[in-house]
Amino acid sequence: MNIGILQLNFTIGDFAKNAEKVVRSYREAVELGAEMVVAPELGLCGYPPRDLLNRADFLEGHDRGVRELAKGVGKVPLLMGGIEKSTKKEGRPLHNVAFLFEKGKVRVVARKRLLPTYDVFDEDRYFEPGEKVAPVRIGGRRVGVTICEDIWNDEDVWMERRYLADPVRELAKKGIDLLINLSASPWHQGKEKTRYRLLERVAKREKIPVVQVNAVGGNDELVFDGQSLVLSKRGKLLSMGLAFGEEVKVVDLDGQEKKIEWASEEQQIFRALVLGTKDYLGKCGFQEVVLGLSGGIDSALTAVIAAEALGKDKVLGVAMPSRYSSQGSLDDAESLARALGIRYEKISIEGPFAAMLQAITPSRGGRSGGLTEENLQSRLRGVILMGISNDSGRLLLTTGNKSELAVGYCTLYGDMCGALAVIADVPKTLVYRISRWINREREIIPKSSIEKAPSAELRPDQKDQDSLPSYEELDRILDSYVVNEGSIRGMVRKGIAQPMAEEIVRKIDLSEYKRRQAAPGLKVTTKAFGVGRRIPLAQRFDPRISK
């Protein structure tokens, strides 16, 4: 059987264009010989629609899109995800469903059973779970249709299962020839390999081919990687979709098995950040960006991502030196701009800085120096960049990394100004790895930006490590406390000094108010600061080890 795979990038709420894209892609797949076509979860409305699902006019727009799409589907059946209003008087008002379109008609053939409510997911807020599963006869085959999370509860794969039900096992026991999964599975480090291992196990155990069609594209903080999978009944790869790109293809379920090849982690993360940046700009209606270029590695990496996502002519880098800026940093900023071919400007903040110092001196009782003056420089730079953004219509990108954001090593209303925090979920050690990967063939990011000691250059001879431990040590603590939600006691058992662990954890907790006001950041790790991590601001939990 030839299966058409529609790995598509949907814009949330753009029902007409989403439907038009599906019909166009469906016809392409049919022309390529597809006998059945499969598209992702919640394809018409885009994922995740969140509280738009509470709006009656949003649901009406979805239903109109379903009717229009049905007109474009002929005798070759199309499976795609969508929304169905529940007929029950109790429970949530909607179902997350799989529609079967055929010969101008449409019907629901599966309702999502497992509704995730962890990390970035909040589906139980809106949807009522399906109560049962049953095979569907399509093209002479008994097909098991599942929706995303329905496949993520296999008892042979997960030691700690989130749900009592296993829709895949239930379908297999009823007898199916093929398992299909409609998915909108957001990406993070290693997700593509975990997904493959899971489906491989299912295919081998049940001895059935598995087709998983995943969405692709960026929607707010989330990036969907595509990399749709078709596996043989032996669990071997028949086809894998493009990573972070749209694709229409037809796969023969009796075709030749292939050896899977994975891109490097650095490449996967870079491509995720590029796609997330491109789609955030495009789906919000912006075409150009501006960012500050300090000559450091973080702003350099952000500029490379922006140029790759939008094109070099759409990126403006601005150096804003003060009395503490080194000539080396200015040279590195200009060298990077030249290597990328982006626009570059230099605007000194020395005049405004001197004026601000004079203005606030009386209120400081004659004091000088300190954090106040450091933050003034950062905030002046934020004012300049926001002014350029207002004047030119360029979206301002922030350039801070996850390690700095974790401990509050950033200035509210200063370097945190902006509409998108491109690398806010990239720890500093990973920033270095990706930057070296970018330079694998030729020097794009100046070598000195990678090798020099990181510095905010807000006071004489300042270095990040004056205020922080080494980034290797900091990222170990960050991974333990934030990503794995571990304890200080556990860190000490792993060899981290207790005073350092307690000090960094204190800074992480105290900086929650800053992160609540930060620009949205693209999620690429398993736990990002953002919608998937909800920590109270006013609280007195003390994670320190009791004396």
Protein backbone atom coordinates (compact mmCIF):
# COMPACT_ATOMS: atom_id res chain seq x y z
CA MET A 1 0.00 0.00 0.00
CA ASN A 2 1.27 3.47 -0.88
CA ILE A 3 0.81 5.97 1.96
CA GLY A 4 0.91 9.70 1.28
CA ILE A 5 2.67 11.69 4.02
CA LEU A 6 1.76 15.37 4.42
CA GLN A 7 4.36 16.83 6.79
CA LEU A 8 3.06 20.40 6.88
CA ASN A 9 3.61 23.69 8.69
CA PHE A 10 0.32 25.16 9.92
CA THR A 11 -0.40 28.64 11.24
CA ILE A 12 -2.71 28.69 14.24
CA GLY A 13 -6.16 29.99 13.32
CA ASP A 14 -5.47 30.50 9.61
CA PHE A 15 -8.17 28.05 8.58
CA ALA A 16 -8.49 29.04 4.93
CA LYS A 17 -4.77 28.86 4.15
CA ASN A 18 -4.29 25.73 6.22
CA ALA A 19 -7.12 24.00 4.33
CA GLU A 20 -5.77 25.25 1.00
CA LYS A 21 -2.32 23.86 1.85
CA VAL A 22 -3.76 20.47 2.80
CA VAL A 23 -5.81 20.17 -0.40
CA ARG A 24 -2.85 21.20 -2.56
CA SER A 25 -0.56 18.73 -0.81
CA TYR A 26 -3.19 15.99 -0.88
CA ARG A 27 -3.50 16.31 -4.65
CA GLU A 28 0.26 16.20 -5.00
CA ALA A 29 0.38 12.97 -2.99
CA VAL A 30 -2.42 11.44 -5.08
CA GLU A 31 -0.54 12.29 -8.27
CA LEU A 32 2.49 10.52 -6.79
CA GLY A 33 0.40 7.35 -6.39
CA ALA A 34 -0.89 7.55 -2.83
CA GLU A 35 -3.71 5.14 -1.98
CA MET A 36 -4.28 6.80 1.39
CA VAL A 37 -3.03 10.18 2.65
CA VAL A 38 -2.22 11.16 6.23
CA ALA A 39 -1.80 14.66 7.73
CA PRO A 40 -0.95 15.82 11.30
CA GLU A 41 -2.96 16.30 14.49
CA LEU A 42 -5.18 19.42 14.67
CA GLY A 43 -4.05 20.32 11.18
CA LEU A 44 -6.74 22.83 10.30
CA CYS A 45 -6.42 24.96 13.43
CA GLY A 46 -2.72 24.48 14.13
CA TYR A 47 -1.16 23.30 17.40
CA PRO A 48 -1.44 24.39 20.18
CA PRO A 49 -4.53 26.61 19.84
CA ARG A 50 -4.76 27.01 23.63
CA ASP A 51 -7.55 29.36 24.84
CA LEU A 52 -8.67 30.12 21.29
CA LEU A 53 -10.57 26.86 21.77
CA ASN A 54 -12.84 28.74 24.17
CA ARG A 55 -14.03 31.07 21.40
CA ALA A 56 -17.20 30.17 19.50
CA ASP A 57 -16.06 32.08 16.42
CA PHE A 58 -12.76 30.14 16.37
CA LEU A 59 -14.67 26.85 16.38
CA GLU A 60 -16.99 28.13 13.66
CA GLY A 61 -13.96 29.00 11.53
CA HIS A 62 -12.61 25.50 12.07
CA ASP A 63 -15.90 23.90 11.01
CA ARG A 64 -16.01 26.01 7.84
CA GLY A 65 -12.48 24.88 7.08
CA VAL A 66 -13.48 21.23 7.49
CA ARG A 67 -16.35 21.65 5.05
CA GLU A 68 -14.14 23.41 2.49
CA LEU A 69 -11.44 20.80 2.81
CA ALA A 70 -13.92 17.98 2.29
CA LYS A 71 -14.83 19.42 -1.12
CA GLY A 72 -11.24 18.97 -2.27
CA VAL A 73 -10.87 15.31 -1.31
CA GLY A 74 -11.78 12.62 -3.83
CA LYS A 75 -11.85 8.84 -3.66
CA VAL A 76 -8.38 8.54 -2.12
CA PRO A 77 -9.05 8.82 1.64
CA LEU A 78 -7.39 11.50 3.78
CA LEU A 79 -6.82 11.15 7.53
CA MET A 80 -6.23 14.39 9.40
CA GLY A 81 -6.64 15.75 12.91
CA GLY A 82 -9.27 18.29 13.95
CA ILE A 83 -11.79 19.41 16.57
CA GLU A 84 -15.21 17.91 17.29
CA LYS A 85 -17.81 19.37 19.63
CA SER A 86 -18.77 16.94 22.38
CA THR A 87 -22.40 15.85 22.61
CA LYS A 88 -22.13 15.13 26.33
CA LYS A 89 -23.71 17.38 28.94
CA GLU A 90 -20.81 16.77 31.35
CA GLY A 91 -17.08 17.16 30.88
CA ARG A 92 -15.08 19.32 28.51
CA PRO A 93 -16.90 20.62 25.45
CA LEU A 94 -14.53 19.35 22.72
CA HIS A 95 -12.75 16.29 21.39
CA ASN A 96 -9.36 16.13 19.67
CA VAL A 97 -10.20 13.82 16.77
CA ALA A 98 -9.08 12.15 13.59
CA PHE A 99 -11.26 12.96 10.58
CA LEU A 100 -11.54 10.66 7.58
CA PHE A 101 -12.23 12.64 4.40
CA GLU A 102 -13.40 10.68 1.34
CA LYS A 103 -15.43 11.52 -1.77
CA GLY A 104 -16.42 14.93 -0.44
CA LYS A 105 -17.62 13.59 2.89
CA VAL A 106 -16.07 13.62 6.36
CA ARG A 107 -16.53 11.56 9.52
CA VAL A 108 -14.78 11.13 12.85
CA VAL A 109 -12.92 7.80 13.10
CA ALA A 110 -10.96 8.27 16.34
CA ARG A 111 -10.96 10.48 19.44
CA LYS A 112 -7.75 11.13 21.33
CA ARG A 113 -7.68 9.01 24.48
CA LEU A 114 -4.61 10.32 26.31
CA LEU A 115 -4.62 14.06 26.96
CA PRO A 116 -1.26 15.39 28.21
CA THR A 117 -1.18 17.98 30.98
CA TYR A 118 2.56 18.04 31.77
CA ASP A 119 5.31 20.44 30.67
CA VAL A 120 3.98 22.61 27.79
CA PHE A 121 0.81 20.56 27.32
CA ASP A 122 -2.60 21.49 28.69
CA GLU A 123 -5.05 19.43 26.65
CA ASP A 124 -7.22 18.27 29.52
CA ARG A 125 -8.14 21.94 29.96
CA TYR A 126 -10.09 21.84 26.69
CA PHE A 127 -10.74 18.29 25.49
CA GLU A 128 -12.78 15.37 26.71
CA PRO A 129 -10.89 12.09 26.24
CA GLY A 130 -12.19 9.42 23.90
CA GLU A 131 -13.68 6.43 25.69
CA LYS A 132 -12.76 3.57 23.38
CA VAL A 133 -10.75 2.65 20.33
CA ALA A 134 -11.74 0.54 17.37
CA PRO A 135 -10.11 -0.35 14.04
CA VAL A 136 -11.29 1.49 10.93
CA ARG A 137 -11.53 -0.20 7.56
CA ILE A 138 -9.70 1.93 4.98
CA GLY A 139 -8.66 0.66 1.58
CA GLY A 140 -9.41 -2.94 2.51
CA ARG A 141 -7.23 -2.82 5.63
CA ARG A 142 -8.03 -2.73 9.32
CA VAL A 143 -6.33 0.45 10.47
CA GLY A 144 -5.67 1.54 14.03
CA VAL A 145 -5.82 5.34 14.21
CA THR A 146 -4.20 7.09 17.15
CA ILE A 147 -3.46 10.75 17.92
CA CYS A 148 -0.04 11.84 19.20
CA GLU A 149 0.02 11.12 22.96
CA ASP A 150 -1.92 7.90 22.41
CA ILE A 151 1.34 6.18 21.43
CA TRP A 152 3.40 7.63 24.32
CA ASN A 153 2.34 5.24 27.08
CA ASP A 154 3.87 1.93 26.06
CA GLU A 155 4.50 -0.23 29.13
CA ASP A 156 7.54 -1.86 27.49
CA VAL A 157 9.23 1.53 26.98
CA TRP A 158 8.30 3.69 30.00
CA MET A 159 9.10 2.60 33.53
CA GLU A 160 6.76 5.24 34.92
CA ARG A 161 3.60 5.46 32.85
CA ARG A 162 1.33 8.53 33.02
CA TYR A 163 -1.93 6.80 32.09
CA LEU A 164 -3.74 3.59 32.87
CA ALA A 165 -4.81 3.05 29.27
CA ASP A 166 -2.65 1.99 26.30
CA PRO A 167 -4.64 2.69 23.12
CA VAL A 168 -2.04 0.98 20.91
CA ARG A 169 -2.27 -2.29 22.82
CA GLU A 170 -6.06 -2.10 22.81
CA LEU A 171 -6.14 -1.64 19.04
CA ALA A 172 -3.63 -4.42 18.46
CA LYS A 173 -5.71 -6.85 20.51
CA LYS A 174 -8.71 -6.08 18.28
CA GLY A 175 -6.67 -6.92 15.19
CA ILE A 176 -5.15 -4.27 12.93
CA ASP A 177 -3.03 -4.44 9.77
CA LEU A 178 -1.58 -0.95 10.14
CA LEU A 179 -1.09 1.59 12.94
CA ILE A 180 -1.35 5.30 12.07
CA ASN A 181 -0.49 8.15 14.42
CA LEU A 182 -1.46 11.76 13.67
CA SER A 183 0.98 13.89 15.58
CA ALA A 184 1.88 17.43 16.61
CA SER A 185 4.90 16.49 18.68
CA PRO A 186 7.10 19.45 19.68
CA TRP A 187 10.83 18.91 19.57
CA HIS A 188 13.53 19.04 22.20
CA GLN A 189 17.02 17.57 22.39
CA GLY A 190 16.90 13.87 21.51
CA LYS A 191 13.13 13.78 20.88
CA GLU A 192 13.55 12.36 17.36
CA LYS A 193 15.50 9.36 18.68
CA THR A 194 13.08 8.71 21.54
CA ARG A 195 10.19 8.80 19.10
CA TYR A 196 11.91 6.32 16.81
CA ARG A 197 12.73 3.88 19.63
CA LEU A 198 9.12 3.99 20.80
CA LEU A 199 7.62 3.29 17.37
CA GLU A 200 10.27 0.67 16.61
CA ARG A 201 9.24 -1.24 19.72
CA VAL A 202 5.54 -1.05 18.84
CA ALA A 203 6.08 -2.25 15.27
CA LYS A 204 8.26 -5.18 16.35
CA ARG A 205 5.97 -6.28 19.15
CA GLU A 206 2.72 -6.10 17.19
CA LYS A 207 4.30 -7.09 13.86
CA ILE A 208 2.51 -4.30 12.00
CA PRO A 209 3.73 -1.33 9.94
CA VAL A 210 3.59 2.02 11.76
CA VAL A 211 2.96 5.39 10.10
CA GLN A 212 3.51 8.51 12.20
CA VAL A 213 2.97 11.89 10.53
CA ASN A 214 4.26 14.83 12.52
CA ALA A 215 3.66 18.55 12.13
CA VAL A 216 6.57 20.86 11.39
CA GLY A 217 7.15 24.55 12.12
CA GLY A 218 7.37 27.04 14.94
CA ASN A 219 4.37 28.18 16.98
CA ASP A 220 5.33 30.62 19.76
CA GLU A 221 7.92 28.89 21.99
CA LEU A 222 7.40 25.45 20.47
CA VAL A 223 9.22 24.06 17.45
CA PHE A 224 7.88 21.00 15.63
CA ASP A 225 10.53 18.99 13.83
CA GLY A 226 8.59 16.88 11.36
CA GLN A 227 10.86 13.84 10.90
CA SER A 228 7.72 11.76 10.28
CA LEU A 229 8.34 8.02 10.44
CA VAL A 230 7.16 5.01 8.48
CA LEU A 231 8.39 1.70 9.88
CA SER A 232 7.99 -1.82 8.55
CA LYS A 233 6.39 -4.60 10.59
CA ARG A 234 9.94 -5.54 11.63
CA GLY A 235 10.46 -2.08 13.10
CA LYS A 236 12.88 -1.06 10.37
CA LEU A 237 12.86 2.34 8.72
CA LEU A 238 10.97 2.69 5.44
CA SER A 239 10.98 6.47 5.42
CA MET A 240 11.79 9.46 7.60
CA GLY A 241 10.54 12.96 6.78
CA LEU A 242 12.72 16.01 6.52
CA ALA A 243 14.03 17.51 9.73
CA PHE A 244 12.49 20.96 10.32
CA GLY A 245 11.08 21.25 6.81
CA GLU A 246 7.79 20.66 4.99
CA GLU A 247 7.53 17.62 2.77
CA VAL A 248 5.00 15.67 0.73
CA LYS A 249 5.99 12.12 -0.12
CA VAL A 250 4.53 8.70 -0.85
CA VAL A 251 5.88 5.63 0.92
CA ASP A 252 5.36 2.00 -0.10
CA LEU A 253 4.63 -0.08 3.01
CA ASP A 254 6.19 -3.05 1.23
CA GLY A 255 9.21 -1.02 0.16
CA GLN A 256 12.88 -1.47 0.93
CA GLU A 257 14.05 -0.98 4.50
CA LYS A 258 16.72 1.64 5.16
CA LYS A 259 19.40 2.41 7.69
CA ILE A 260 18.58 5.42 9.80
CA GLU A 261 21.05 8.31 9.93
CA TRP A 262 20.86 11.01 12.56
CA ALA A 263 22.11 14.56 12.30
CA SER A 264 24.38 15.80 15.08
CA GLU A 265 22.80 17.33 18.17
CA GLU A 266 24.34 20.71 17.32
CA GLN A 267 22.83 20.63 13.84
CA GLN A 268 19.40 19.62 15.13
CA ILE A 269 19.34 22.43 17.69
CA PHE A 270 20.58 25.01 15.19
CA ARG A 271 17.91 24.02 12.66
CA ALA A 272 15.23 24.12 15.37
CA LEU A 273 16.26 27.64 16.37
CA VAL A 274 16.36 28.80 12.75
CA LEU A 275 12.88 27.43 12.05
CA GLY A 276 11.47 28.79 15.31
CA THR A 277 12.86 32.26 14.57
CA LYS A 278 11.67 32.24 10.97
CA ASP A 279 8.14 31.17 11.85
CA TYR A 280 7.80 33.47 14.85
CA LEU A 281 8.64 36.42 12.62
CA GLY A 282 6.59 35.28 9.65
CA LYS A 283 3.48 34.22 11.56
CA CYS A 284 3.50 37.46 13.56
CA GLY A 285 3.79 39.53 10.38
CA PHE A 286 7.40 40.74 10.66
CA GLN A 287 10.14 40.47 8.05
CA GLU A 288 13.21 42.12 9.58
CA VAL A 289 15.05 42.12 12.91
CA VAL A 290 17.48 44.21 14.92
CA LEU A 291 19.79 43.00 17.68
CA GLY A 292 22.67 44.28 19.73
CA LEU A 293 26.12 43.00 18.78
CA SER A 294 28.48 43.03 21.76
CA GLY A 295 31.32 41.10 20.17
CA GLY A 296 30.50 38.18 22.48
CA ILE A 297 29.48 34.66 21.59
CA ASP A 298 25.78 34.92 22.52
CA SER A 299 24.94 37.85 20.25
CA ALA A 300 27.11 36.26 17.54
CA LEU A 301 25.15 33.00 17.63
CA THR A 302 21.84 34.88 17.65
CA ALA A 303 22.91 36.90 14.61
CA VAL A 304 23.92 33.74 12.72
CA ILE A 305 20.53 32.16 13.46
CA ALA A 306 18.68 35.32 12.37
CA ALA A 307 20.63 35.61 9.12
CA GLU A 308 20.00 31.95 8.32
CA ALA A 309 16.29 32.25 9.15
CA LEU A 310 15.50 35.53 7.39
CA GLY A 311 18.33 36.29 4.98
CA LYS A 312 21.28 38.59 5.58
CA ASP A 313 19.52 41.66 4.17
CA LYS A 314 16.82 41.39 6.87
CA VAL A 315 19.18 41.62 9.86
CA LEU A 316 20.60 44.76 11.47
CA GLY A 317 23.31 44.40 14.09
CA VAL A 318 24.06 47.38 16.34
CA ALA A 319 27.20 47.81 18.45
CA MET A 320 26.72 50.22 21.35
CA PRO A 321 30.06 50.83 23.02
CA SER A 322 30.58 52.57 26.36
CA ARG A 323 33.75 53.63 28.15
CA TYR A 324 34.22 50.02 29.28
CA SER A 325 33.93 48.38 25.84
CA SER A 326 37.16 46.88 24.55
CA GLN A 327 38.40 47.50 21.04
CA GLY A 328 38.63 43.74 20.62
CA SER A 329 34.91 43.34 21.21
CA LEU A 330 34.08 46.09 18.72
CA ASP A 331 36.37 44.46 16.15
CA ASP A 332 34.69 41.08 16.76
CA ALA A 333 31.20 42.57 16.30
CA GLU A 334 32.19 44.20 13.03
CA SER A 335 34.01 41.07 11.83
CA LEU A 336 30.91 38.95 12.49
CA ALA A 337 28.65 41.38 10.63
CA ARG A 338 31.04 41.35 7.70
CA ALA A 339 31.22 37.52 7.63
CA LEU A 340 27.42 37.28 7.65
CA GLY A 341 26.88 40.17 5.25
CA ILE A 342 24.33 41.81 7.55
CA ARG A 343 23.85 45.55 8.09
CA TYR A 344 26.00 46.94 10.87
CA GLU A 345 25.83 50.20 12.80
CA LYS A 346 27.75 51.60 15.76
CA ILE A 347 26.02 53.93 18.22
CA SER A 348 27.98 55.07 21.26
CA ILE A 349 26.12 55.23 24.57
CA GLU A 350 28.84 57.33 26.21
CA GLY A 351 26.95 60.62 25.88
CA PRO A 352 23.61 59.33 27.23
CA PHE A 353 25.45 57.40 29.95
CA ALA A 354 27.30 60.51 31.15
CA ALA A 355 24.05 62.49 31.12
CA MET A 356 22.24 59.82 33.14
CA LEU A 357 25.04 59.65 35.69
CA GLN A 358 24.84 63.40 36.14
CA ALA A 359 21.07 63.26 36.44
CA ILE A 360 20.94 60.58 39.16
CA THR A 361 24.01 61.63 41.17
CA PRO A 362 22.04 63.90 43.56
CA SER A 363 19.61 61.10 44.40
CA ARG A 364 22.54 58.74 45.14
CA GLY A 365 24.07 61.02 47.74
CA GLY A 366 27.24 61.39 45.74
CA ARG A 367 27.90 57.65 45.44
CA SER A 368 29.31 56.28 42.20
CA GLY A 369 29.91 52.91 40.55
CA GLY A 370 28.19 49.67 41.45
CA LEU A 371 25.35 47.74 39.91
CA THR A 372 23.28 50.87 39.32
CA GLU A 373 25.75 52.18 36.77
CA GLU A 374 26.21 48.75 35.16
CA ASN A 375 22.47 48.37 34.67
CA LEU A 376 22.16 51.93 33.36
CA GLN A 377 24.40 51.00 30.43
CA SER A 378 22.35 47.91 29.65
CA ARG A 379 19.09 49.85 29.87
CA LEU A 380 20.39 52.61 27.62
CA ARG A 381 21.20 49.97 25.03
CA GLY A 382 17.69 48.56 25.40
CA VAL A 383 16.21 52.04 24.85
CA ILE A 384 18.29 52.53 21.68
CA LEU A 385 17.36 49.13 20.25
CA MET A 386 13.68 49.60 21.06
CA GLY A 387 13.83 53.02 19.38
CA ILE A 388 15.28 51.46 16.23
CA SER A 389 12.62 48.75 16.39
CA ASN A 390 9.81 51.32 16.71
CA ASP A 391 11.19 53.47 13.93
CA SER A 392 11.99 50.73 11.42
CA GLY A 393 9.42 48.04 12.20
CA ARG A 394 12.22 45.56 12.88
CA LEU A 395 11.49 43.02 15.59
CA LEU A 396 14.04 43.19 18.42
CA LEU A 397 15.75 39.91 19.29
CA THR A 398 17.25 39.39 22.73
CA THR A 399 20.54 37.51 22.91
CA GLY A 400 20.77 36.10 26.45
CA ASN A 401 21.40 32.39 27.03
CA LYS A 402 19.68 30.00 29.45
CA SER A 403 22.52 29.96 32.00
CA GLU A 404 22.39 33.75 32.42
CA LEU A 405 18.60 33.83 32.48
CA ALA A 406 18.61 31.13 35.15
CA VAL A 407 20.63 33.13 37.68
CA GLY A 408 19.38 36.58 36.72
CA TYR A 409 22.67 37.61 35.10
CA CYS A 410 20.71 39.94 32.84
CA THR A 411 19.12 43.36 33.18
CA LEU A 412 15.37 43.81 33.31
CA TYR A 413 14.36 46.51 30.79
CA GLY A 414 17.92 46.39 29.46
CA ASP A 415 19.41 43.44 27.59
CA MET A 416 16.13 41.60 28.27
CA CYS A 417 14.25 44.05 26.00
CA GLY A 418 12.84 42.38 22.92
CA ALA A 419 10.08 40.30 21.39
CA LEU A 420 11.84 36.95 20.99
CA ALA A 421 14.61 35.39 23.07
CA VAL A 422 16.20 33.17 20.45
CA ILE A 423 18.71 31.27 22.63
CA ALA A 424 16.98 31.60 26.02
CA ASP A 425 16.79 27.80 26.29
CA VAL A 426 20.39 27.18 25.20
CA PRO A 427 22.81 26.75 28.14
CA LYS A 428 26.15 28.54 27.77
CA THR A 429 28.16 25.35 27.31
CA LEU A 430 25.83 24.41 24.45
CA VAL A 431 26.23 27.91 22.97
CA TYR A 432 29.94 27.14 22.65
CA ARG A 433 29.30 23.73 21.05
CA ILE A 434 26.89 25.12 18.46
CA SER A 435 29.22 28.03 17.69
CA ARG A 436 32.12 25.66 17.02
CA TRP A 437 29.84 23.57 14.82
CA ILE A 438 28.92 26.71 12.84
CA ASN A 439 32.64 27.32 12.28
CA ARG A 440 33.30 23.71 11.19
CA GLU A 441 34.14 24.70 7.59
CA ARG A 442 35.11 28.35 7.84
CA GLU A 443 35.28 31.04 10.48
CA ILE A 444 31.96 32.86 10.73
CA ILE A 445 31.88 33.59 14.43
CA PRO A 446 35.23 35.23 15.27
CA LYS A 447 37.58 32.80 16.99
CA SER A 448 38.24 35.34 19.72
CA SER A 449 34.49 35.56 20.51
CA ILE A 450 34.60 31.84 21.28
CA GLU A 451 37.92 31.72 23.10
CA LYS A 452 37.97 34.90 25.20
CA ALA A 453 36.66 34.98 28.74
CA PRO A 454 32.98 36.05 28.62
CA SER A 455 32.30 39.55 29.93
CA ALA A 456 29.40 41.99 30.03
CA GLU A 457 31.96 44.82 29.88
CA LEU A 458 29.99 47.05 32.24
CA ARG A 459 32.92 47.88 34.52
CA PRO A 460 36.72 47.79 34.22
CA ASP A 461 38.21 44.29 33.63
CA GLN A 462 34.86 42.60 34.30
CA LYS A 463 34.51 38.84 33.70
CA ASP A 464 31.38 36.69 34.05
CA GLN A 465 33.26 34.37 36.41
CA ASP A 466 33.69 37.26 38.86
CA SER A 467 30.02 36.69 39.75
CA LEU A 468 29.43 33.12 38.61
CA PRO A 469 31.13 29.73 38.79
CA SER A 470 32.50 28.27 35.58
CA TYR A 471 29.74 27.76 33.03
CA GLU A 472 30.43 24.01 33.08
CA GLU A 473 29.66 23.94 36.80
CA LEU A 474 26.74 26.36 36.47
CA ASP A 475 25.14 24.27 33.74
CA ARG A 476 25.51 21.11 35.84
CA ILE A 477 23.55 22.79 38.62
CA LEU A 478 21.01 24.20 36.17
CA ASP A 479 20.45 20.77 34.64
CA SER A 480 20.00 19.17 38.04
CA TYR A 481 17.77 21.79 39.66
CA VAL A 482 15.70 23.12 36.74
CA VAL A 483 15.64 20.40 34.09
CA ASN A 484 15.53 17.37 36.38
CA GLU A 485 13.90 19.18 39.33
CA GLY A 486 16.48 17.69 41.68
CA SER A 487 17.53 18.67 45.19
CA ILE A 488 20.66 20.34 46.53
CA ARG A 489 21.35 17.15 48.49
CA GLY A 490 21.38 15.23 45.22
CA MET A 491 23.81 17.73 43.68
CA VAL A 492 26.18 17.36 46.63
CA ARG A 493 26.10 13.58 46.21
CA LYS A 494 27.23 14.14 42.60
CA GLY A 495 30.25 16.12 43.72
CA ILE A 496 28.98 19.72 43.59
CA ALA A 497 30.12 21.80 46.55
CA GLN A 498 27.20 22.52 48.86
CA PRO A 499 27.88 26.28 49.27
CA MET A 500 28.03 26.73 45.50
CA ALA A 501 24.88 24.66 44.91
CA GLU A 502 22.97 26.64 47.53
CA GLU A 503 24.14 30.00 46.18
CA ILE A 504 23.21 29.20 42.56
CA VAL A 505 19.83 27.74 43.57
CA ARG A 506 19.18 30.92 45.58
CA LYS A 507 19.92 33.03 42.49
CA ILE A 508 17.70 30.84 40.31
CA ASP A 509 14.77 31.20 42.70
CA LEU A 510 15.25 34.94 43.24
CA SER A 511 15.29 35.56 39.48
CA GLU A 512 11.86 34.10 38.83
CA TYR A 513 10.33 37.59 38.66
CA LYS A 514 12.71 38.53 35.85
CA ARG A 515 11.89 35.46 33.81
CA ARG A 516 8.16 36.13 34.20
CA GLN A 517 8.76 39.41 32.32
CA ALA A 518 11.16 38.02 29.72
CA ALA A 519 10.47 37.67 26.01
CA PRO A 520 9.23 34.23 24.90
CA GLY A 521 12.12 31.86 24.23
CA LEU A 522 12.34 28.99 21.76
CA LYS A 523 12.21 25.63 23.56
CA VAL A 524 14.97 23.15 22.64
CA THR A 525 15.69 21.35 25.93
CA THR A 526 13.45 19.02 27.89
CA LYS A 527 12.62 21.77 30.41
CA ALA A 528 12.66 25.43 29.41
CA PHE A 529 11.85 28.58 31.32
CA GLY A 530 8.38 29.43 30.02
CA VAL A 531 4.92 27.89 29.79
CA GLY A 532 6.21 24.44 30.78
CA ARG A 533 7.65 25.61 34.11
CA ARG A 534 5.27 27.28 36.54
CA ILE A 535 6.89 28.51 39.73
CA PRO A 536 5.11 30.89 42.15
CA LEU A 537 6.70 34.31 42.62
CA ALA A 538 5.52 34.88 46.20
CA GLN A 539 6.61 31.75 48.09
CA ARG A 540 8.95 30.75 50.91
CA PHE A 541 10.04 27.24 50.04
CA ASP A 542 13.69 26.87 51.09
CA PRO A 543 15.57 24.15 49.15
CA ARG A 544 18.77 24.52 51.19
CA ILE A 545 20.03 21.55 53.17
CA SER A 546 19.06 21.86 56.83
CA LYS A 547 21.98 22.46 59.12
